[in-house]
Protein backbone atom coordinates (compact mmCIF):
# COMPACT_ATOMS: atom_id res chain seq x y z
CA MET A 1 -0.13 0.08 0.28
CA SER A 2 1.54 3.56 -0.86
CA ILE A 3 1.83 6.39 1.38
CA ARG A 4 -0.44 8.20 -0.46
CA PHE A 5 -3.36 5.50 -0.49
CA LYS A 6 -2.52 5.65 2.95
CA LEU A 7 -3.39 9.63 3.69
CA ILE A 8 -6.00 9.34 1.33
CA LEU A 9 -7.38 6.33 3.43
CA SER A 10 -7.04 7.94 6.77
CA ASN A 11 -8.54 11.09 5.88
CA ILE A 12 -11.65 9.05 4.67
CA LEU A 13 -11.27 7.28 7.99
CA MET A 14 -11.04 10.08 9.69
CA ILE A 15 -14.42 11.41 8.63
CA ILE A 16 -16.23 8.09 8.32
CA ILE A 17 -15.09 6.81 12.04
CA PRO A 18 -16.58 9.53 13.94
CA LEU A 19 -19.72 10.02 11.69
CA ILE A 20 -20.66 6.52 12.41
CA PHE A 21 -19.32 6.90 16.52
CA SER A 22 -21.48 9.89 16.75
CA ILE A 23 -25.02 8.80 15.28
CA VAL A 24 -24.82 5.74 17.73
CA LEU A 25 -23.94 8.54 20.66
CA ALA A 26 -26.56 10.72 19.51
CA VAL A 27 -28.93 7.89 19.83
CA PHE A 28 -27.86 6.70 22.65
CA LEU A 29 -27.77 9.98 24.54
CA ILE A 30 -31.17 10.64 23.06
CA GLY A 31 -32.73 8.24 25.02
CA ILE A 32 -30.80 9.17 28.24
CA ASN A 33 -31.74 13.31 27.67
CA LEU A 34 -35.52 12.59 26.79
CA GLU A 35 -35.84 10.98 30.60
CA LYS A 36 -33.92 13.65 32.40
CA SER A 37 -35.64 16.40 30.77
CA GLY A 38 -39.05 15.30 31.01
CA LEU A 39 -39.08 15.29 26.84
CA ARG A 40 -40.60 11.75 26.65
CA GLN A 41 -43.81 12.80 28.63
CA TYR A 42 -43.84 15.83 26.97
CA ASN A 43 -46.87 16.03 24.16
CA SER A 44 -46.43 18.09 21.58
CA ASP A 45 -47.83 18.51 18.36
CA GLU A 46 -45.07 20.27 16.67
CA ILE A 47 -42.42 18.72 17.92
CA THR A 48 -41.99 14.55 17.62
CA ASP A 49 -39.12 12.18 18.87
CA SER A 50 -38.19 11.35 15.16
CA GLU A 51 -38.12 15.46 14.45
CA VAL A 52 -36.01 15.37 17.28
CA GLN A 53 -33.56 12.83 15.92
CA GLN A 54 -33.70 14.46 12.77
CA ALA A 55 -32.44 17.77 14.08
CA PHE A 56 -29.44 15.96 15.86
CA LYS A 57 -28.46 14.09 12.85
CA GLU A 58 -28.57 17.39 11.05
CA LEU A 59 -26.30 18.73 14.08
CA VAL A 60 -23.97 16.13 13.81
CA SER A 61 -23.33 16.63 9.92
CA VAL A 62 -22.87 20.46 10.59
CA LEU A 63 -20.28 20.04 13.24
CA ASN A 64 -18.86 17.39 10.70
CA ASP A 65 -18.76 19.96 8.01
CA ALA A 66 -17.20 22.51 10.78
CA LEU A 67 -13.92 20.21 11.77
CA ASN A 68 -13.30 18.73 8.00
CA HIS A 69 -14.39 21.67 5.20
CA PRO A 70 -14.79 25.07 8.00
CA ASP A 71 -15.26 27.08 4.56
CA LYS A 72 -18.07 25.47 3.78
CA PHE A 73 -19.44 28.28 5.61
CA GLU A 74 -18.39 30.84 3.84
CA ASP A 75 -21.02 30.01 1.24
CA LEU A 76 -24.46 31.73 1.83
CA GLU A 77 -26.62 28.87 -0.60
CA TYR A 78 -25.45 26.03 1.98
CA LEU A 79 -26.13 28.03 4.83
CA LYS A 80 -29.58 29.09 3.60
CA ASN A 81 -30.29 25.22 3.48
CA ILE A 82 -28.96 24.54 7.19
CA ASP A 83 -31.47 27.26 8.26
CA ASN A 84 -34.27 25.65 6.44
CA LYS A 85 -33.50 22.31 7.75
CA LEU A 86 -32.96 23.86 11.54
CA LYS A 87 -36.12 26.22 11.03
CA SER A 88 -38.25 22.88 9.90
CA MET A 89 -37.53 21.32 13.38
CA ASN A 90 -38.42 25.18 15.24
CA LEU A 91 -34.71 25.80 15.62
CA GLY A 92 -32.86 28.55 15.12
CA PHE A 93 -29.13 29.01 13.41
CA CYS A 94 -26.20 31.89 13.01
CA PHE A 95 -23.33 32.31 11.79
CA ALA A 96 -20.42 34.94 12.38
CA ILE A 97 -17.20 35.49 11.71
CA ASP A 98 -14.56 37.41 13.90
CA ASN A 99 -17.66 38.19 16.06
CA ASN A 100 -19.53 39.61 12.96
CA ILE A 101 -22.76 37.77 11.97
CA TYR A 102 -22.39 36.35 8.40
CA TYR A 103 -26.09 34.57 8.49
CA LEU A 104 -28.76 34.42 10.63
CA SER A 105 -32.38 33.51 10.60
CA ASP A 106 -34.99 36.06 9.63
CA ASN A 107 -36.89 35.43 12.65
CA ILE A 108 -33.96 37.20 14.84
CA ASP A 109 -33.08 40.39 15.87
CA ARG A 110 -30.03 41.17 14.46
CA LEU A 111 -29.05 44.19 15.19
CA LYS A 112 -29.73 42.64 19.27
CA PHE A 113 -28.07 39.48 18.95
CA GLN A 114 -24.42 41.49 17.23
CA LYS A 115 -24.48 43.57 20.72
CA HIS A 116 -24.57 40.49 22.27
CA ILE A 117 -22.22 38.20 20.68
CA ILE A 118 -19.47 41.74 21.18
CA LEU A 119 -20.76 42.37 24.78
CA ASN A 120 -20.03 38.41 25.40
CA ALA A 121 -17.08 37.40 22.99
CA ASP A 122 -14.41 36.90 25.95
CA LYS A 123 -17.35 34.82 27.71
CA ASN A 124 -18.77 32.67 25.27
CA GLU A 125 -16.98 29.18 25.01
CA THR A 126 -17.64 26.10 22.89
CA GLU A 127 -20.41 23.82 23.84
CA GLN A 128 -21.38 26.30 26.80
CA GLU A 129 -25.06 27.41 26.86
CA ASN A 130 -26.32 30.90 27.16
CA THR A 131 -29.20 32.67 26.93
CA PHE A 132 -30.76 35.23 24.40
CA GLY A 133 -33.64 36.79 25.33
CA SER A 134 -36.41 34.11 25.24
CA LEU A 135 -34.20 32.02 23.24
CA GLY A 136 -31.56 29.65 24.58
CA TYR A 137 -28.35 28.71 22.12
CA ILE A 138 -25.66 26.85 21.89
CA ASN A 139 -22.14 28.08 20.47
CA TYR A 140 -19.56 26.26 18.64
CA LYS A 141 -16.42 27.84 17.75
CA PHE A 142 -13.65 26.69 15.02
CA GLU A 143 -11.06 27.49 12.72
CA LEU A 144 -11.65 28.87 8.75
CA SER A 145 -8.36 27.69 6.75
CA ASP A 146 -7.47 31.73 6.68
CA GLY A 147 -7.16 32.34 9.94
CA LYS A 148 -10.58 33.69 10.98
CA LYS A 149 -12.59 32.40 14.00
CA GLY A 150 -15.71 30.86 12.89
CA VAL A 151 -18.83 30.43 15.42
CA ILE A 152 -22.19 28.17 14.62
CA TYR A 153 -24.99 29.52 16.73
CA VAL A 154 -28.07 27.31 17.55
CA PHE A 155 -31.34 28.58 18.86
CA PHE A 156 -33.97 26.24 20.84
CA ASP A 157 -36.96 27.23 22.68
CA LYS A 158 -36.78 27.17 26.42
CA SER A 159 -39.02 24.59 27.60
CA PRO A 160 -38.80 20.56 27.91
CA LEU A 161 -36.91 20.79 24.72
CA GLU A 162 -34.76 23.64 25.53
CA LYS A 163 -33.70 21.12 28.52
CA PHE A 164 -33.10 18.50 26.12
CA LEU A 165 -31.34 20.17 23.79
CA ALA A 166 -28.89 21.40 26.80
CA GLY A 167 -28.17 18.04 27.98
CA PHE A 168 -27.48 16.62 24.63
CA ILE A 169 -25.43 18.89 22.67
CA THR A 170 -23.06 19.27 25.79
CA ASP A 171 -22.78 15.62 25.95
CA PHE A 172 -22.50 15.03 22.63
CA LEU A 173 -20.24 17.66 21.60
CA ARG A 174 -17.86 16.40 24.59
CA CYS A 175 -18.22 13.01 23.19
CA PHE A 176 -17.53 13.86 19.92
CA LEU A 177 -14.70 15.79 20.40
CA ILE A 178 -13.25 12.56 22.20
CA ILE A 179 -13.92 10.73 19.56
CA VAL A 180 -12.31 12.75 16.86
CA LEU A 181 -9.13 13.14 19.07
CA LEU A 182 -9.08 9.49 19.74
CA THR A 183 -9.69 8.46 16.15
CA ASN A 184 -7.13 11.00 14.73
CA GLY A 185 -4.42 10.18 17.31
CA LEU A 186 -4.96 6.22 16.42
CA LEU A 187 -4.68 7.26 12.90
CA THR A 188 -1.87 9.22 12.82
CA LEU A 189 -0.16 6.46 14.94
CA ALA A 190 -0.95 4.11 12.83
CA VAL A 191 0.59 6.32 9.47
CA SER A 192 3.38 7.10 10.79
CA SER A 193 4.96 3.95 12.24
CA SER A 194 4.78 2.63 9.19
CA ILE A 195 6.64 5.57 7.65
CA ILE A 196 8.72 6.24 10.99
CA ARG A 197 9.83 2.80 11.31
CA PRO A 198 11.26 2.05 8.37
CA LEU A 199 12.97 5.52 8.61
CA LYS A 200 14.79 4.71 11.57
CA LYS A 201 16.28 1.27 9.96
CA LEU A 202 17.83 3.63 7.19
CA LYS A 203 18.80 5.81 9.98
CA TYR A 204 20.68 2.99 11.62
CA GLY A 205 22.12 1.65 8.14
CA ALA A 206 23.39 5.07 7.05
CA GLU A 207 25.31 5.86 10.54
CA GLN A 208 26.82 2.05 10.27
CA ILE A 209 27.94 2.97 6.36
CA LYS A 210 29.81 5.90 7.51
CA GLU A 211 31.39 3.93 10.65
CA GLY A 212 32.35 1.89 7.93
CA ASN A 213 30.37 -0.96 9.09
CA LEU A 214 28.71 -3.15 6.14
CA SER A 215 28.01 -6.40 8.26
CA PHE A 216 24.45 -5.57 8.56
CA VAL A 217 21.18 -6.35 7.07
CA ILE A 218 18.04 -4.17 6.82
CA ASP A 219 14.82 -6.17 6.37
CA GLU A 220 11.87 -4.44 5.80
CA LYS A 221 8.70 -5.86 4.65
CA SER A 222 6.27 -2.79 3.73
CA SER A 223 5.19 -1.98 0.05
CA ASP A 224 4.71 1.69 0.25
CA GLU A 225 7.46 4.05 -1.41
CA VAL A 226 9.86 4.07 1.69
CA GLY A 227 9.99 0.02 1.89
CA GLU A 228 11.13 0.34 -1.86
CA VAL A 229 13.94 3.17 -0.61
CA CYS A 230 14.87 0.12 2.08
CA ARG A 231 15.08 -1.94 -0.06
CA ALA A 232 17.02 -0.29 -2.71
CA PHE A 233 18.94 0.74 0.54
CA GLU A 234 19.62 -3.16 1.26
CA GLU A 235 20.75 -3.78 -2.52
CA MET A 236 23.31 -0.79 -2.20
CA ARG A 237 24.62 -2.38 1.07
CA GLN A 238 25.23 -5.73 -0.32
CA ARG A 239 27.01 -4.02 -3.42
CA LEU A 240 29.23 -1.83 -1.53
CA LYS A 241 29.82 -5.21 0.74
CA ALA A 242 30.55 -7.32 -2.30
CA ALA A 243 32.53 -4.03 -4.12
CA LEU A 244 35.17 -3.95 -0.90
CA GLU A 245 35.43 -7.56 -0.55
CA GLN A 246 36.70 -7.66 -4.16
CA GLN A 247 38.91 -4.66 -3.85
CA ILE A 248 40.34 -6.32 -0.59
CA LYS A 249 40.90 -9.59 -2.69
CA TYR A 250 42.03 -7.04 -5.84
CA ASP A 251 45.14 -5.47 -3.29
CA GLU A 252 45.60 -9.14 -1.85
CA GLU A 253 46.18 -10.58 -5.42
CA ARG A 254 48.29 -7.89 -6.79
CA ASN A 255 50.61 -7.69 -3.48
CA GLU A 256 51.42 -11.19 -4.17
CA PHE A 257 51.29 -10.80 -8.04
CA ILE A 258 54.20 -7.86 -6.81
CA ALA A 259 55.89 -10.47 -4.97
CA SER A 260 55.80 -13.03 -6.98
CA ILE A 261 57.08 -11.19 -10.05
CA THR A 262 60.21 -9.71 -7.82
CA HIS A 263 60.59 -13.26 -6.50
CA ASP A 264 60.47 -14.60 -10.23
CA LEU A 265 62.89 -11.87 -11.49
CA LYS A 266 65.31 -12.10 -8.66
CA THR A 267 66.50 -15.57 -8.83
CA PRO A 268 68.01 -15.51 -12.56
CA ILE A 269 69.26 -11.98 -11.91
CA THR A 270 71.03 -13.14 -9.07
CA SER A 271 72.47 -16.10 -10.68
CA ILE A 272 73.23 -14.18 -13.78
CA LYS A 273 75.00 -11.90 -11.49
CA CYS A 274 76.67 -14.75 -10.16
CA HIS A 275 77.91 -16.17 -12.68
CA ILE A 276 79.37 -12.92 -14.14
CA ASP A 277 81.46 -12.21 -11.34
CA GLY A 278 83.00 -15.39 -10.92
CA LEU A 279 83.57 -14.73 -15.02
CA ARG A 280 85.37 -11.04 -14.20
CA ASP A 281 87.18 -12.94 -11.48
CA GLY A 282 89.04 -15.57 -13.49
CA VAL A 283 87.15 -18.37 -11.37
CA ALA A 284 85.91 -19.65 -15.01
CA ASN A 285 89.89 -19.96 -16.40
CA THR A 286 89.31 -22.87 -18.81
CA PRO A 287 87.60 -22.52 -21.98
CA GLU A 288 84.82 -25.40 -20.60
CA LYS A 289 84.02 -23.08 -17.23
CA ILE A 290 83.59 -20.29 -19.56
CA ASP A 291 81.38 -22.10 -22.13
CA LYS A 292 79.25 -23.37 -19.04
CA TYR A 293 79.17 -19.71 -17.63
CA THR A 294 77.84 -17.98 -20.51
CA ASP A 295 75.40 -20.98 -21.15
CA ILE A 296 74.12 -20.27 -17.87
CA ILE A 297 73.96 -17.09 -18.36
CA TYR A 298 72.39 -17.30 -21.53
CA LYS A 299 69.20 -19.75 -20.16
CA LYS A 300 68.78 -17.71 -17.37
CA VAL A 301 68.15 -14.45 -19.93
CA LEU A 302 65.60 -16.66 -21.81
CA ASP A 303 64.05 -17.74 -18.84
CA MET A 304 63.52 -13.40 -17.74
CA ASP A 305 63.07 -13.35 -21.30
CA ARG A 306 60.06 -15.58 -21.57
CA LEU A 307 58.89 -14.56 -18.18
CA ILE A 308 58.60 -10.46 -19.25
CA ASN A 309 57.14 -11.94 -22.62
CA ASP A 310 53.78 -14.22 -20.43
CA LEU A 311 53.66 -11.08 -17.82
CA THR A 312 53.46 -8.88 -20.96
CA PHE A 313 50.74 -11.29 -22.14
CA TYR A 314 49.14 -11.51 -19.11
CA SER A 315 48.51 -7.80 -17.80
CA ASN A 316 47.47 -6.98 -21.75
CA GLN A 317 44.99 -9.72 -21.72
CA ASN A 318 43.03 -8.83 -18.24
CA LEU A 319 43.22 -4.88 -19.71
CA LYS A 320 41.64 -6.30 -22.66
CA LYS A 321 44.30 -4.89 -24.82
CA ILE A 322 44.93 -7.60 -26.73
CA PRO A 323 42.73 -8.47 -30.00
CA PHE A 324 41.47 -12.03 -30.96
CA ASN A 325 40.63 -12.83 -34.48
CA PHE A 326 38.36 -15.84 -34.01
CA SER A 327 37.48 -17.66 -37.31
CA LYS A 328 36.08 -21.17 -38.26
CA LEU A 329 39.01 -23.73 -37.14
CA ASN A 330 38.85 -27.17 -38.46
CA LEU A 331 39.45 -29.44 -35.04
CA LYS A 332 41.11 -31.93 -36.19
CA ALA A 333 44.02 -30.59 -38.58
CA PHE A 334 44.96 -28.45 -35.89
CA ILE A 335 45.06 -30.97 -33.56
CA GLU A 336 47.19 -33.05 -35.79
CA ASP A 337 49.52 -30.04 -36.44
CA MET A 338 50.14 -29.54 -32.73
CA VAL A 339 50.96 -33.34 -32.84
CA ASP A 340 53.43 -33.38 -35.19
CA GLU A 341 54.79 -30.29 -34.04
CA TYR A 342 56.00 -31.80 -30.77
CA LYS A 343 55.85 -35.37 -31.06
CA PHE A 344 59.73 -35.39 -33.10
CA GLN A 345 60.73 -33.42 -29.74
CA LEU A 346 58.97 -35.68 -27.26
CA ASP A 347 60.23 -38.79 -28.78
CA LYS A 348 63.52 -37.47 -27.97
CA ILE A 349 63.08 -37.20 -24.28
CA GLY A 350 61.40 -40.07 -24.36
CA ILE A 351 57.71 -39.19 -24.13
CA ASN A 352 55.26 -40.75 -26.43
CA MET A 353 52.29 -38.33 -27.64
CA GLU A 354 48.95 -39.60 -28.99
CA TYR A 355 45.56 -38.14 -29.95
CA GLU A 356 42.27 -39.91 -30.13
CA TYR A 357 39.76 -37.55 -31.99
CA ASN A 358 36.17 -39.00 -31.77
CA LEU A 359 34.21 -36.51 -33.83
CA PRO A 360 33.38 -36.05 -37.53
CA ASP A 361 36.51 -34.77 -39.68
CA SER A 362 34.55 -31.72 -40.77
CA THR A 363 33.85 -30.36 -37.35
CA GLN A 364 35.03 -26.41 -36.65
CA VAL A 365 34.88 -24.72 -34.22
CA LYS A 366 35.15 -20.86 -33.50
CA ALA A 367 39.07 -19.98 -32.21
CA ASP A 368 41.61 -17.65 -32.25
CA SER A 369 44.18 -20.69 -33.92
CA GLU A 370 47.58 -18.28 -32.52
CA LYS A 371 46.12 -18.09 -29.25
CA LEU A 372 44.70 -21.74 -28.77
CA LYS A 373 48.05 -23.29 -29.66
CA ARG A 374 49.28 -20.92 -27.13
CA VAL A 375 46.90 -22.81 -25.07
CA PHE A 376 48.03 -26.38 -26.11
CA SER A 377 51.81 -25.67 -25.92
CA ASN A 378 51.46 -23.96 -22.56
CA ILE A 379 49.69 -26.67 -21.14
CA ILE A 380 51.92 -29.49 -23.10
CA GLU A 381 55.14 -27.47 -22.13
CA ASN A 382 53.71 -27.81 -18.04
CA SER A 383 53.29 -31.71 -18.79
CA ILE A 384 56.79 -32.17 -20.02
CA LYS A 385 58.43 -30.14 -17.13
CA TYR A 386 56.87 -32.43 -14.22
CA MET A 387 57.12 -35.77 -16.06
CA ASP A 388 58.95 -38.12 -13.25
CA LYS A 389 58.72 -41.42 -15.63
CA GLU A 390 60.73 -43.41 -18.02
CA ASN A 391 58.40 -44.09 -20.23
CA GLY A 392 56.48 -40.86 -20.55
CA GLU A 393 53.03 -40.28 -21.99
CA ILE A 394 51.04 -37.46 -23.05
CA LYS A 395 47.47 -37.85 -24.87
CA ILE A 396 44.98 -35.70 -26.42
CA ASP A 397 41.80 -36.38 -27.05
CA VAL A 398 38.40 -34.52 -28.28
CA LYS A 399 34.81 -35.47 -27.09
CA ASP A 400 31.79 -34.00 -28.69
CA ARG A 401 29.16 -31.95 -26.06
CA GLN A 402 26.22 -30.93 -28.07
CA ASN A 403 27.21 -27.50 -28.99
CA LYS A 404 30.93 -27.74 -27.77
CA VAL A 405 34.00 -29.91 -28.04
CA LEU A 406 35.37 -31.51 -24.96
CA ILE A 407 39.25 -31.32 -25.39
CA GLY A 408 41.34 -33.44 -22.81
CA ILE A 409 45.31 -33.44 -22.13
CA HIS A 410 46.64 -36.21 -20.20
CA ASP A 411 50.08 -37.20 -18.97
CA ASN A 412 51.20 -39.52 -16.57
CA GLY A 413 53.37 -37.11 -14.62
CA GLU A 414 54.45 -37.00 -11.14
CA GLY A 415 50.61 -35.02 -10.74
CA ILE A 416 49.36 -32.70 -8.35
CA LYS A 417 48.34 -32.73 -4.54
CA GLN A 418 44.24 -32.61 -4.30
CA GLU A 419 45.03 -29.14 -1.47
CA TYR A 420 47.15 -27.56 -4.58
CA LEU A 421 44.35 -28.31 -8.13
CA PRO A 422 42.60 -25.97 -7.05
CA ASN A 423 44.80 -22.84 -7.71
CA ILE A 424 46.84 -24.10 -10.43
CA PHE A 425 45.09 -21.42 -12.66
CA ASN A 426 46.06 -18.84 -10.61
CA ARG A 427 48.57 -16.73 -11.77
CA PHE A 428 52.57 -17.35 -10.51
CA TYR A 429 50.80 -20.30 -9.08
CA ARG A 430 53.11 -22.78 -8.29
CA ALA A 431 52.22 -26.82 -6.53
CA ASP A 432 56.24 -26.57 -4.91
CA PRO A 433 55.24 -23.92 -2.06
CA SER A 434 59.15 -22.76 -1.76
CA ARG A 435 58.40 -21.68 -5.66
CA ASN A 436 61.50 -23.99 -6.82
CA THR A 437 62.22 -22.33 -10.29
CA SER A 438 64.72 -25.09 -11.18
CA LYS A 439 62.40 -26.58 -13.99
CA GLY A 440 61.62 -23.37 -15.41
CA GLY A 441 58.32 -21.71 -16.35
CA SER A 442 57.03 -18.65 -15.31
CA GLY A 443 54.30 -19.60 -12.84
CA LEU A 444 52.18 -17.90 -15.69
CA GLY A 445 51.63 -20.55 -18.35
CA LEU A 446 47.82 -21.93 -17.25
CA ALA A 447 46.45 -18.52 -16.11
CA ILE A 448 47.30 -17.45 -19.57
CA ALA A 449 45.36 -20.75 -20.69
CA ARG A 450 42.52 -20.14 -18.69
CA GLN A 451 42.28 -16.54 -20.16
CA ILE A 452 42.25 -17.42 -23.42
CA ILE A 453 39.54 -20.14 -22.69
CA GLU A 454 37.79 -17.72 -21.12
CA GLU A 455 37.72 -15.40 -24.19
CA HIS A 456 36.78 -18.10 -26.17
CA GLY A 457 33.58 -18.87 -24.12
CA GLY A 458 34.91 -21.65 -22.28
CA LYS A 459 35.91 -23.10 -19.51
CA ILE A 460 39.12 -25.00 -18.53
CA TYR A 461 39.44 -27.37 -15.05
CA ALA A 462 41.92 -30.09 -14.00
CA GLU A 463 41.98 -33.55 -12.50
CA SER A 464 44.69 -35.13 -11.34
CA LYS A 465 45.76 -37.72 -8.74
CA TYR A 466 49.18 -37.01 -6.82
CA GLY A 467 52.07 -39.92 -8.15
CA TYR A 468 49.85 -40.83 -11.39
CA GLY A 469 49.60 -37.83 -13.80
CA THR A 470 47.11 -34.82 -14.77
CA SER A 471 44.60 -34.28 -16.99
CA ILE A 472 43.71 -30.69 -18.66
CA TYR A 473 40.20 -29.96 -19.97
CA PHE A 474 39.17 -27.12 -21.73
CA GLU A 475 35.62 -26.55 -23.98
CA LEU A 476 35.36 -24.85 -27.15
CA GLU A 477 32.07 -23.88 -29.14
CA LYS A 478 31.49 -25.89 -32.71
CA VAL A 479 30.33 -23.19 -35.51
CA GLY A 480 29.45 -23.71 -39.03
CA MET A 481 27.13 -27.02 -38.89
CA GLU A 482 23.75 -24.99 -38.71
CA ASN A 483 24.79 -22.39 -41.00
CA GLU A 484 26.12 -25.29 -43.15
CA LYS A 485 22.89 -26.59 -43.09
CA LYS A 486 20.90 -23.79 -43.66
CA ASP A 487 23.17 -22.94 -46.70
CA THR A 488 22.26 -26.82 -48.20
CA ASP A 489 18.55 -25.87 -47.89
CA ASN A 490 18.39 -22.67 -49.54
């Protein structure tokens, strides 16, 4: 329920509830005051009980209008209508603004009553019974929208009816004001609490954020505009918390990244420095030693060059600065080229390489061939580095996965312990806690492979059993088959 609807409903109830209770109250008070005044036993051809009830129903309506629509009393036609209704019940009517008569029943002396109003201006209180000549009257004061003071006067003959009216109207007005005040108070409390409660929650949330605390929850069920603001605030808090946690994670990764670069650059630089010092100091005093030292220096320079190249590629890829040239790639031909490229090299070091292709020869994938070649190279070179068996094996297999293909690269090397497996695609991660670089590599190979496969819209993951080997799996999207079918149909 919207705030606007709540306010409209409360205003309607502010009129209806006092009106209903006032009618019930009037009926109840009529019975009591009829007994008190003796009017029940008073026989009159002019006034009946039904007419009395009608008169006070009219008074209820007039008082309600004075409370809720005070400006109506500046309309002479409206006042004449009230006067005519009361006149038919032997009652007179007057309305004054700021102690000046604005309307008066024609059977009452205007000049005399004007003087009476001025003389009794300081005496007449709301609901007080007064006398004007042979008439009695009850006055009711209220305020117009422009700030002027309005007073309603209802005249009656002094008789049993006078006693009845005096008692009834006094009791009625008192009870009516109590009903209005209670209704107003309860409705105000109900509407304001539905607004103030969530606003207090918002204030609490804002104070918590100001203190740097995002670990709280604003749970607001109301469906009004303030409830929507609370839910938007809670969503903002969740996003701020997630962004802060992500920023902390990025900061930790950046610090780790810098530490890893420092370590992986310092190691070959230290080795190069030591061997250059050996050459300068004459430690390498034979041609064989000189060749050995220069070979080591050259290998370390190559390691640094490879590290810098991998680091540049990884950083540029992170910043989305490296373009991908996707095209339709015949997967079988590509894998055969990769196997031919590595098979001779692997045979020389005692590693057997083979592949198993379980798809149609014409299967094509969407890929950047150069980037995909780097994925295969990084994974295969990783398998070579960690091969600890005399009869090493590296196998590539390709399986169908509906609109994708699943490529697996398996080896029977030393494998990876399960606690290290989830982290192997992180940058600079090595399963060796000492970050031993004796086997070479930048520590970025699998991280780069993950970047490339994710840019291809696939995912990459690993399975391994320590001591038995490792399998790396990744997916590629198949293309061309639907288009070729459409072309054939056309």
